Protein backbone atom coordinates (compact mmCIF):
# COMPACT_ATOMS: atom_id res chain seq x y z
CA MET A 1 -19.08 12.07 31.96
CA ILE A 2 -17.38 8.68 31.93
CA GLU A 3 -19.93 7.37 29.43
CA THR A 4 -19.12 10.21 27.06
CA ILE A 5 -15.40 9.53 27.30
CA LEU A 6 -15.95 5.79 26.72
CA ILE A 7 -18.18 6.43 23.70
CA LEU A 8 -15.70 8.91 22.25
CA THR A 9 -12.78 6.53 22.80
CA PHE A 10 -14.66 3.60 21.29
CA SER A 11 -15.76 5.69 18.30
CA LEU A 12 -12.23 6.93 17.64
CA SER A 13 -10.90 3.38 17.91
CA LEU A 14 -13.46 2.14 15.40
CA PHE A 15 -12.65 5.02 13.05
CA ALA A 16 -8.92 4.28 13.24
CA TYR A 17 -9.60 0.61 12.57
CA TRP A 18 -11.84 1.44 9.59
CA PHE A 19 -9.24 3.85 8.19
CA ARG A 20 -6.37 1.35 8.40
CA TYR A 21 -8.48 -1.47 7.00
CA THR A 22 -9.68 0.64 4.07
CA VAL A 23 -6.19 1.86 3.16
CA LEU A 24 -4.68 -1.60 3.42
CA LEU A 25 -7.52 -2.98 1.29
CA LEU A 26 -6.85 -0.34 -1.37
CA LEU A 27 -3.12 -1.03 -1.31
CA SER A 28 -3.65 -4.79 -1.53
CA GLN A 29 -5.19 -4.21 -4.97
CA GLU A 30 -2.02 -2.46 -6.10
CA GLN A 31 -0.72 -3.43 -9.51
CA THR A 32 2.54 -2.15 -10.88
CA GLU A 33 2.54 -4.03 -14.14
CA GLY A 34 0.93 -2.80 -17.29
CA CYS A 35 0.51 0.96 -17.51
CA ALA A 36 3.99 2.29 -16.86
CA THR A 37 3.27 5.77 -18.20
CA VAL A 38 3.47 7.56 -14.87
CA ILE A 39 5.21 5.07 -12.60
CA GLY A 40 8.18 4.71 -14.94
CA GLN A 41 9.14 8.33 -14.28
CA LEU A 42 9.19 7.92 -10.50
CA SER A 43 11.70 6.43 -8.11
CA VAL A 44 9.02 4.50 -6.20
CA LEU A 45 9.83 1.08 -7.62
CA GLU A 46 13.54 1.43 -6.93
CA THR A 47 12.78 2.65 -3.42
CA ARG A 48 10.57 -0.37 -2.72
CA GLU A 49 13.24 -2.73 -4.02
CA THR A 50 15.85 -1.07 -1.82
CA LEU A 51 13.59 -1.35 1.23
CA ARG A 52 13.08 -5.06 0.62
CA GLN A 53 16.81 -5.78 0.62
CA PRO A 54 17.98 -7.33 3.90
CA GLN A 55 20.64 -4.72 4.56
CA ALA A 56 21.24 -3.68 8.14
CA HIS A 57 21.86 -0.02 7.37
CA LEU A 58 19.94 1.74 4.61
CA PRO A 59 19.98 5.46 3.83
CA LEU A 60 16.37 5.87 5.03
CA ASP A 61 16.39 9.67 4.94
CA ARG A 62 17.55 9.63 1.32
CA LEU A 63 14.73 7.23 0.44
CA ARG A 64 12.21 9.46 2.23
CA HIS A 65 13.41 12.48 0.27
CA ALA A 66 12.99 10.54 -3.00
CA LEU A 67 9.45 9.56 -1.96
CA ASP A 68 8.63 13.17 -1.04
CA LYS A 69 9.83 14.30 -4.46
CA ASP A 70 7.60 11.71 -6.13
CA PHE A 71 4.71 12.74 -3.87
CA ARG A 72 5.06 16.38 -4.93
CA MET A 73 5.09 15.40 -8.60
CA LEU A 74 2.03 13.15 -8.27
CA ARG A 75 0.23 15.77 -6.21
CA TYR A 76 0.89 18.35 -8.93
CA LEU A 77 -0.44 15.99 -11.59
CA LEU A 78 -3.54 15.19 -9.55
CA ASP A 79 -4.24 18.87 -8.96
CA HIS A 80 -3.60 20.08 -12.53
CA ALA A 81 -4.48 17.24 -14.91
CA ALA A 82 -8.23 17.07 -15.43
CA GLY A 83 -9.69 13.58 -15.39
CA MET A 84 -6.52 11.84 -14.20
CA GLY A 85 -7.37 11.93 -10.53
CA LEU A 86 -8.61 9.17 -8.32
CA ARG A 87 -12.09 8.95 -6.91
CA PRO A 88 -12.38 11.61 -4.18
CA ALA A 89 -12.64 9.14 -1.30
CA GLU A 90 -9.54 7.22 -2.46
CA HIS A 91 -7.68 10.47 -3.03
CA TYR A 92 -8.24 11.81 0.48
CA LEU A 93 -7.69 8.49 2.24
CA LEU A 94 -4.42 7.81 0.46
CA MET A 95 -3.10 11.35 0.89
CA LEU A 96 -3.95 11.25 4.59
CA ASP A 97 -2.30 7.84 4.95
CA TYR A 98 0.85 9.11 3.22
CA ARG A 99 1.06 12.03 5.64
CA LEU A 100 0.40 9.81 8.66
CA MET A 101 3.09 7.37 7.56
CA LYS A 102 5.48 10.30 7.06
CA ALA A 103 4.79 11.40 10.64
CA TRP A 104 5.19 7.80 11.86
CA TYR A 105 8.53 7.61 10.04
CA ALA A 106 9.69 10.82 11.72
CA LEU A 107 8.73 9.41 15.13
CA THR A 108 10.33 5.99 14.64
CA ARG A 109 13.38 6.57 12.46
CA ASN A 110 15.75 6.87 15.44
CA ALA A 111 13.97 4.40 17.73
CA SER A 112 13.18 1.48 15.42
CA ALA A 113 14.59 0.96 11.96
CA ALA A 114 12.05 -1.79 11.25
CA HIS A 115 9.09 0.52 11.93
CA ALA A 116 10.70 3.30 9.92
CA ARG A 117 11.23 0.93 6.97
CA GLY A 118 7.62 -0.20 7.25
CA ALA A 119 6.42 3.40 7.14
CA LEU A 120 8.56 4.12 4.07
CA ASP A 121 7.31 0.97 2.38
CA GLU A 122 3.70 1.98 2.94
CA MET A 123 4.44 5.49 1.68
CA ALA A 124 5.93 3.96 -1.47
CA ALA A 125 2.92 1.64 -1.82
CA VAL A 126 0.57 4.62 -1.69
CA LEU A 127 2.55 6.46 -4.37
CA SER A 128 2.78 3.43 -6.64
CA TYR A 129 -0.99 2.84 -6.30
CA ILE A 130 -1.72 6.45 -7.25
CA ALA A 131 0.75 6.33 -10.15
CA TYR A 132 -0.72 3.07 -11.42
CA LYS A 133 -4.26 4.45 -11.31
CA MET A 134 -3.14 7.59 -13.14
CA GLY A 135 -1.35 5.49 -15.76
CA GLU A 136 -4.44 3.35 -16.16
CA ARG A 137 -6.55 6.43 -16.79
CA THR A 138 -3.97 7.80 -19.23
CA ALA A 139 -4.03 4.54 -21.17
CA GLY A 140 -7.83 4.70 -21.21
CA PHE A 141 -7.75 8.22 -22.63
CA SER A 142 -5.29 7.25 -25.36
CA GLN A 143 -7.39 4.23 -26.44
CA THR A 144 -10.57 6.26 -26.93
């Protein structure tokens, strides 16, 4: 019984490590310059700039609502615009990470402002990555 619990715990730990590493690797390739077709219509860039300001008290809930609005718009575009979506693995990983960071924000917003800001920044990074990839695909369609 103990062996089963140890194997399960070790496997879950490795999965969590793989998930975080993969998402952070995807987000490290983020580019916000160039194709501004989609990202220019979102509040993601302004949200990221606001989060990087060294202010002691930011309206974090207002920023989260702006990110949720952008998420709904991008989700609609991904679901209804043929050929503009990401590769399926990227799509599911990034959507899951966004939801996990949203839950982490909800857990930490009253306890630690630094962790809450970090969660919002990663949520914004996910949205800007998706918007950039969609803009890149849009530019590719218009060039052909």
